[in-house]
PDB file of N, CA and C in Angstrom:
ATOM      1  N   MET A   1      93.726 108.754  76.977  1.00  0.00           N
ATOM      2  CA  MET A   1      92.509 108.484  77.769  1.00  0.00           C
ATOM      3  C   MET A   1      92.780 107.176  78.624  1.00  0.00           C
ATOM      4  N   ARG A   2      93.271 106.164  77.920  1.00  0.00           N
ATOM      5  CA  ARG A   2      93.536 104.921  78.606  1.00  0.00           C
ATOM      6  C   ARG A   2      94.454 105.008  79.712  1.00  0.00           C
ATOM      7  N   THR A   3      95.471 105.868  79.448  1.00  0.00           N
ATOM      8  CA  THR A   3      96.566 106.023  80.682  1.00  0.00           C
ATOM      9  C   THR A   3      95.926 106.679  81.822  1.00  0.00           C
ATOM     10  N   THR A   4      94.999 107.593  81.598  1.00  0.00           N
ATOM     11  CA  THR A   4      94.379 108.355  82.706  1.00  0.00           C
ATOM     12  C   THR A   4      93.503 107.426  83.434  1.00  0.00           C
ATOM     13  N   LEU A   5      92.709 106.661  82.724  1.00  0.00           N
ATOM     14  CA  LEU A   5      91.807 105.715  83.415  1.00  0.00           C
ATOM     15  C   LEU A   5      92.666 104.644  84.173  1.00  0.00           C
ATOM     16  N   ALA A   6      93.766 104.124  83.583  1.00  0.00           N
ATOM     17  CA  ALA A   6      94.589 103.206  84.235  1.00  0.00           C
ATOM     18  C   ALA A   6      95.254 103.892  85.574  1.00  0.00           C
ATOM     19  N   ALA A   7      95.513 105.143  85.444  1.00  0.00           N
ATOM     20  CA  ALA A   7      96.000 105.801  86.604  1.00  0.00           C
ATOM     21  C   ALA A   7      94.943 105.904  87.734  1.00  0.00           C
ATOM     22  N   ALA A   8      93.769 106.167  87.258  1.00  0.00           N
ATOM     23  CA  ALA A   8      92.624 106.219  88.192  1.00  0.00           C
ATOM     24  C   ALA A   8      92.365 104.893  88.898  1.00  0.00           C
ATOM     25  N   ARG A   9      92.479 103.795  88.049  1.00  0.00           N
ATOM     26  CA  ARG A   9      92.199 102.475  88.625  1.00  0.00           C
ATOM     27  C   ARG A   9      93.380 102.057  89.654  1.00  0.00           C
ATOM     28  N   THR A  10      94.618 102.589  89.236  1.00  0.00           N
ATOM     29  CA  THR A  10      95.711 102.207  90.078  1.00  0.00           C
ATOM     30  C   THR A  10      95.598 102.996  91.458  1.00  0.00           C
ATOM     31  N   THR A  11      95.101 104.260  91.331  1.00  0.00           N
ATOM     32  CA  THR A  11      94.907 105.084  92.551  1.00  0.00           C
ATOM     33  C   THR A  11      93.824 104.453  93.431  1.00  0.00           C
ATOM     34  N   ALA A  12      92.693 103.965  92.858  1.00  0.00           N
ATOM     35  CA  ALA A  12      91.611 103.401  93.589  1.00  0.00           C
ATOM     36  C   ALA A  12      92.058 102.047  94.223  1.00  0.00           C
ATOM     37  N   ARG A  13      92.985 101.306  93.546  1.00  0.00           N
ATOM     38  CA  ARG A  13      93.439  99.957  94.076  1.00  0.00           C
ATOM     39  C   ARG A  13      94.343 100.362  95.303  1.00  0.00           C
ATOM     40  N   ALA A  14      95.217 101.327  95.104  1.00  0.00           N
ATOM     41  CA  ALA A  14      96.126 101.725  96.172  1.00  0.00           C
ATOM     42  C   ALA A  14      95.281 102.211  97.375  1.00  0.00           C
ATOM     43  N   ALA A  15      94.330 102.928  97.151  1.00  0.00           N
ATOM     44  CA  ALA A  15      93.452 103.356  98.278  1.00  0.00           C
ATOM     45  C   ALA A  15      92.794 102.297  98.898  1.00  0.00           C
ATOM     46  N   ALA A  16      92.351 101.337  98.167  1.00  0.00           N
ATOM     47  CA  ALA A  16      91.658 100.167  98.717  1.00  0.00           C
ATOM     48  C   ALA A  16      92.595  99.215  99.565  1.00  0.00           C
ATOM     49  N   LEU A  17      93.875  99.127  99.076  1.00  0.00           N
ATOM     50  CA  LEU A  17      94.952  98.423  99.876  1.00  0.00           C
ATOM     51  C   LEU A  17      95.260  99.134 101.158  1.00  0.00           C
ATOM     52  N   LEU A  18      95.314 100.452 101.098  1.00  0.00           N
ATOM     53  CA  LEU A  18      95.697 101.255 102.263  1.00  0.00           C
ATOM     54  C   LEU A  18      94.481 101.130 103.228  1.00  0.00           C
ATOM     55  N   ALA A  19      93.302 101.223 102.785  1.00  0.00           N
ATOM     56  CA  ALA A  19      92.095 101.049 103.686  1.00  0.00           C
ATOM     57  C   ALA A  19      92.113  99.618 104.289  1.00  0.00           C
ATOM     58  N   ALA A  20      92.492  98.666 103.527  1.00  0.00           N
ATOM     59  CA  ALA A  20      92.415  97.280 104.049  1.00  0.00           C
ATOM     60  C   ALA A  20      93.498  97.171 105.114  1.00  0.00           C
ATOM     61  N   ALA A  21      94.706  97.784 104.920  1.00  0.00           N
ATOM     62  CA  ALA A  21      95.678  97.620 105.920  1.00  0.00           C
ATOM     63  C   ALA A  21      95.272  98.482 107.145  1.00  0.00           C
ATOM     64  N   CYS A  22      94.695  99.520 107.002  1.00  0.00           N
ATOM     65  CA  CYS A  22      94.284 100.328 108.156  1.00  0.00           C
ATOM     66  C   CYS A  22      93.157  99.532 109.034  1.00  0.00           C
ATOM     67  N   VAL A  23      92.327  98.818 108.359  1.00  0.00           N
ATOM     68  CA  VAL A  23      91.244  98.115 109.013  1.00  0.00           C
ATOM     69  C   VAL A  23      91.849  96.871 109.740  1.00  0.00           C
ATOM     70  N   ARG A  24      92.882  96.249 109.078  1.00  0.00           N
ATOM     71  CA  ARG A  24      93.646  95.038 109.704  1.00  0.00           C
ATOM     72  C   ARG A  24      94.283  95.574 110.913  1.00  0.00           C
ATOM     73  N   ALA A  25      94.954  96.699 110.917  1.00  0.00           N
ATOM     74  CA  ALA A  25      95.746  97.179 112.079  1.00  0.00           C
ATOM     75  C   ALA A  25      94.787  97.521 113.134  1.00  0.00           C
ATOM     76  N   ARG A  26      93.677  98.133 112.799  1.00  0.00           N
ATOM     77  CA  ARG A  26      92.660  98.687 113.724  1.00  0.00           C
ATOM     78  C   ARG A  26      91.960  97.414 114.545  1.00  0.00           C
ATOM     79  N   ARG A  27      91.661  96.358 113.666  1.00  0.00           N
ATOM     80  CA  ARG A  27      91.059  95.176 114.290  1.00  0.00           C
ATOM     81  C   ARG A  27      92.021  94.530 115.190  1.00  0.00           C
ATOM     82  N   ALA A  28      93.267  94.483 114.906  1.00  0.00           N
ATOM     83  CA  ALA A  28      94.254  93.979 115.786  1.00  0.00           C
ATOM     84  C   ALA A  28      94.259  94.652 117.180  1.00  0.00           C
ATOM     85  N   GLU A  29      94.084  96.004 117.070  1.00  0.00           N
ATOM     86  CA  GLU A  29      94.111  96.795 118.311  1.00  0.00           C
ATOM     87  C   GLU A  29      92.770  96.503 119.078  1.00  0.00           C
ATOM     88  N   LEU A  30      91.632  96.317 118.392  1.00  0.00           N
ATOM     89  CA  LEU A  30      90.423  96.161 118.965  1.00  0.00           C
ATOM     90  C   LEU A  30      90.224  94.772 119.622  1.00  0.00           C
ATOM     91  N   ARG A  31      91.011  93.887 119.119  1.00  0.00           N
ATOM     92  CA  ARG A  31      90.979  92.545 119.676  1.00  0.00           C
ATOM     93  C   ARG A  31      91.422  92.556 121.200  1.00  0.00           C
ATOM     94  N   LYS A  32      92.244  93.558 121.515  1.00  0.00           N
ATOM     95  CA  LYS A  32      92.741  93.662 122.818  1.00  0.00           C
ATOM     96  C   LYS A  32      91.611  94.331 123.741  1.00  0.00           C
ATOM     97  N   GLN A  33      90.688  95.044 123.095  1.00  0.00           N
ATOM     98  CA  GLN A  33      89.621  95.708 123.857  1.00  0.00           C
ATOM     99  C   GLN A  33      88.370  94.940 123.659  1.00  0.00           C
ATOM    100  N   PRO A  34      87.636  94.330 124.580  1.00  0.00           N
ATOM    101  CA  PRO A  34      86.457  93.572 124.280  1.00  0.00           C
ATOM    102  C   PRO A  34      85.219  94.398 123.937  1.00  0.00           C
ATOM    103  N   ASP A  35      85.156  95.627 124.172  1.00  0.00           N
ATOM    104  CA  ASP A  35      84.107  96.501 123.858  1.00  0.00           C
ATOM    105  C   ASP A  35      84.259  97.377 122.653  1.00  0.00           C
ATOM    106  N   GLY A  36      85.116  97.031 121.767  1.00  0.00           N
ATOM    107  CA  GLY A  36      85.495  97.850 120.493  1.00  0.00           C
ATOM    108  C   GLY A  36      84.669  97.481 119.336  1.00  0.00           C
ATOM    109  N   GLY A  37      83.573  96.788 119.366  1.00  0.00           N
ATOM    110  CA  GLY A  37      82.877  96.315 118.156  1.00  0.00           C
ATOM    111  C   GLY A  37      82.228  97.438 117.322  1.00  0.00           C
ATOM    112  N   TYR A  38      81.678  98.350 117.977  1.00  0.00           N
ATOM    113  CA  TYR A  38      81.058  99.454 117.340  1.00  0.00           C
ATOM    114  C   TYR A  38      82.187 100.306 116.575  1.00  0.00           C
ATOM    115  N   THR A  39      83.201 100.477 117.190  1.00  0.00           N
ATOM    116  CA  THR A  39      84.409 101.215 116.576  1.00  0.00           C
ATOM    117  C   THR A  39      84.819 100.550 115.291  1.00  0.00           C
ATOM    118  N   THR A  40      84.957  99.188 115.312  1.00  0.00           N
ATOM    119  CA  THR A  40      85.355  98.399 114.205  1.00  0.00           C
ATOM    120  C   THR A  40      84.379  98.649 113.035  1.00  0.00           C
ATOM    121  N   GLU A  41      83.038  98.569 113.331  1.00  0.00           N
ATOM    122  CA  GLU A  41      82.189  98.685 112.314  1.00  0.00           C
ATOM    123  C   GLU A  41      82.298 100.069 111.691  1.00  0.00           C
ATOM    124  N   THR A  42      82.492 101.160 112.480  1.00  0.00           N
ATOM    125  CA  THR A  42      82.585 102.495 111.968  1.00  0.00           C
ATOM    126  C   THR A  42      83.830 102.738 111.076  1.00  0.00           C
ATOM    127  N   VAL A  43      84.916 102.157 111.626  1.00  0.00           N
ATOM    128  CA  VAL A  43      86.218 102.183 110.868  1.00  0.00           C
ATOM    129  C   VAL A  43      86.059 101.565 109.449  1.00  0.00           C
ATOM    130  N   ILE A  44      85.441 100.403 109.385  1.00  0.00           N
ATOM    131  CA  ILE A  44      85.194  99.641 108.186  1.00  0.00           C
ATOM    132  C   ILE A  44      84.368 100.468 107.194  1.00  0.00           C
ATOM    133  N   ILE A  45      83.242 101.014 107.595  1.00  0.00           N
ATOM    134  CA  ILE A  45      82.337 101.723 106.881  1.00  0.00           C
ATOM    135  C   ILE A  45      83.081 103.036 106.360  1.00  0.00           C
ATOM    136  N   THR A  46      83.766 103.732 107.187  1.00  0.00           N
ATOM    137  CA  THR A  46      84.545 104.867 106.856  1.00  0.00           C
ATOM    138  C   THR A  46      85.656 104.616 105.760  1.00  0.00           C
ATOM    139  N   ALA A  47      86.392 103.480 106.030  1.00  0.00           N
ATOM    140  CA  ALA A  47      87.403 103.060 105.091  1.00  0.00           C
ATOM    141  C   ALA A  47      86.705 102.817 103.619  1.00  0.00           C
ATOM    142  N   LEU A  48      85.623 102.152 103.620  1.00  0.00           N
ATOM    143  CA  LEU A  48      84.921 101.839 102.371  1.00  0.00           C
ATOM    144  C   LEU A  48      84.521 103.151 101.678  1.00  0.00           C
ATOM    145  N   LEU A  49      83.981 104.053 102.471  1.00  0.00           N
ATOM    146  CA  LEU A  49      83.495 105.410 101.807  1.00  0.00           C
ATOM    147  C   LEU A  49      84.707 106.178 101.364  1.00  0.00           C
ATOM    148  N   VAL A  50      85.799 106.137 102.081  1.00  0.00           N
ATOM    149  CA  VAL A  50      87.092 106.857 101.591  1.00  0.00           C
ATOM    150  C   VAL A  50      87.509 106.263 100.399  1.00  0.00           C
ATOM    151  N   GLY A  51      87.503 104.917 100.239  1.00  0.00           N
ATOM    152  CA  GLY A  51      87.949 104.212  99.129  1.00  0.00           C
ATOM    153  C   GLY A  51      87.101 104.563  97.829  1.00  0.00           C
ATOM    154  N   LEU A  52      85.817 104.503  98.117  1.00  0.00           N
ATOM    155  CA  LEU A  52      84.892 104.877  96.969  1.00  0.00           C
ATOM    156  C   LEU A  52      85.053 106.397  96.516  1.00  0.00           C
ATOM    157  N   GLY A  53      85.262 107.180  97.551  1.00  0.00           N
ATOM    158  CA  GLY A  53      85.485 108.647  97.174  1.00  0.00           C
ATOM    159  C   GLY A  53      86.813 108.886  96.399  1.00  0.00           C
ATOM    160  N   LEU A  54      87.799 108.159  96.802  1.00  0.00           N
ATOM    161  CA  LEU A  54      89.053 108.327  96.085  1.00  0.00           C
ATOM    162  C   LEU A  54      88.906 107.721  94.640  1.00  0.00           C
ATOM    163  N   GLY A  55      88.262 106.685  94.464  1.00  0.00           N
ATOM    164  CA  GLY A  55      88.025 106.110  93.199  1.00  0.00           C
ATOM    165  C   GLY A  55      87.210 107.124  92.354  1.00  0.00           C
ATOM    166  N   VAL A  56      86.186 107.718  92.856  1.00  0.00           N
ATOM    167  CA  VAL A  56      85.371 108.618  92.049  1.00  0.00           C
ATOM    168  C   VAL A  56      86.154 109.866  91.653  1.00  0.00           C
ATOM    169  N   LEU A  57      86.976 110.335  92.741  1.00  0.00           N
ATOM    170  CA  LEU A  57      87.923 111.481  92.455  1.00  0.00           C
ATOM    171  C   LEU A  57      88.879 111.163  91.385  1.00  0.00           C
ATOM    172  N   GLY A  58      89.381 109.940  91.381  1.00  0.00           N
ATOM    173  CA  GLY A  58      90.329 109.615  90.283  1.00  0.00           C
ATOM    174  C   GLY A  58      89.708 109.609  88.927  1.00  0.00           C
ATOM    175  N   ILE A  59      88.541 109.124  88.891  1.00  0.00           N
ATOM    176  CA  ILE A  59      87.835 108.999  87.559  1.00  0.00           C
ATOM    177  C   ILE A  59      87.470 110.466  87.138  1.00  0.00           C
ATOM    178  N   ILE A  60      86.961 111.314  88.014  1.00  0.00           N
ATOM    179  CA  ILE A  60      86.656 112.658  87.548  1.00  0.00           C
ATOM    180  C   ILE A  60      87.802 113.457  87.198  1.00  0.00           C
ATOM    181  N   ALA A  61      88.937 113.188  87.858  1.00  0.00           N
ATOM    182  CA  ALA A  61      90.155 113.886  87.527  1.00  0.00           C
ATOM    183  C   ALA A  61      90.646 113.562  86.190  1.00  0.00           C
ATOM    184  N   ALA A  62      90.578 112.246  85.805  1.00  0.00           N
ATOM    185  CA  ALA A  62      90.905 111.732  84.525  1.00  0.00           C
ATOM    186  C   ALA A  62      90.090 112.254  83.476  1.00  0.00           C
ATOM    187  N   LYS A  63      88.700 112.444  83.804  1.00  0.00           N
ATOM    188  CA  LYS A  63      87.863 112.923  82.623  1.00  0.00           C
ATOM    189  C   LYS A  63      88.029 114.415  82.465  1.00  0.00           C
ATOM    190  N   VAL A  64      88.272 115.083  83.527  1.00  0.00           N
ATOM    191  CA  VAL A  64      88.507 116.539  83.351  1.00  0.00           C
ATOM    192  C   VAL A  64      89.949 116.872  82.699  1.00  0.00           C
ATOM    193  N   THR A  65      90.849 116.077  83.072  1.00  0.00           N
ATOM    194  CA  THR A  65      92.116 116.191  82.421  1.00  0.00           C
ATOM    195  C   THR A  65      92.088 115.868  80.940  1.00  0.00           C
ATOM    196  N   ASP A  66      91.322 114.832  80.597  1.00  0.00           N
ATOM    197  CA  ASP A  66      91.178 114.392  79.191  1.00  0.00           C
ATOM    198  C   ASP A  66      90.473 115.536  78.396  1.00  0.00           C
ATOM    199  N   LYS A  67      89.386 116.066  79.070  1.00  0.00           N
ATOM    200  CA  LYS A  67      88.675 117.183  78.383  1.00  0.00           C
ATOM    201  C   LYS A  67      89.507 118.321  78.215  1.00  0.00           C
ATOM    202  N   ALA A  68      90.341 118.748  79.212  1.00  0.00           N
ATOM    203  CA  ALA A  68      91.185 119.943  79.098  1.00  0.00           C
ATOM    204  C   ALA A  68      92.182 119.702  78.008  1.00  0.00           C
ATOM    205  N   ASN A  69      92.714 118.568  77.913  1.00  0.00           N
ATOM    206  CA  ASN A  69      93.748 118.306  76.869  1.00  0.00           C
ATOM    207  C   ASN A  69      93.186 118.397  75.460  1.00  0.00           C
ATOM    208  N   GLY A  70      91.816 118.240  75.304  1.00  0.00           N
ATOM    209  CA  GLY A  70      91.117 118.384  74.002  1.00  0.00           C
ATOM    210  C   GLY A  70      90.839 119.730  73.629  1.00  0.00           C
ATOM    211  N   LEU A  71      90.973 120.658  74.576  1.00  0.00           N
ATOM    212  CA  LEU A  71      90.621 122.036  74.108  1.00  0.00           C
ATOM    213  C   LEU A  71      91.742 122.720  73.233  1.00  0.00           C
ATOM    214  N   THR A  72      91.278 123.415  72.339  1.00  0.00           N
ATOM    215  CA  THR A  72      92.166 124.160  71.418  1.00  0.00           C
ATOM    216  C   THR A  72      91.915 125.609  71.489  1.00  0.00           C
ATOM    217  N   PHE A  73      93.034 126.366  71.583  1.00  0.00           N
ATOM    218  CA  PHE A  73      92.857 127.843  71.665  1.00  0.00           C
ATOM    219  C   PHE A  73      93.238 128.506  70.458  1.00  0.00           C
TER     220      PHE A  73
END
């Protein structure tokens, strides 16, 4: 159980780092465009939601796998 939770946490951290990198790259692009403020806000919110979704998906996958491993036939 601990290894699956650790894997879920690692996945969530990787997703957060990827989202942060995407936001930094997008912000660098938007600095070149003076009217890109709304887009930056949308990208940040979307990245946060994707990160949260991946974290939840990792936790659910870990729990389902743990439950499936506990079944006996």
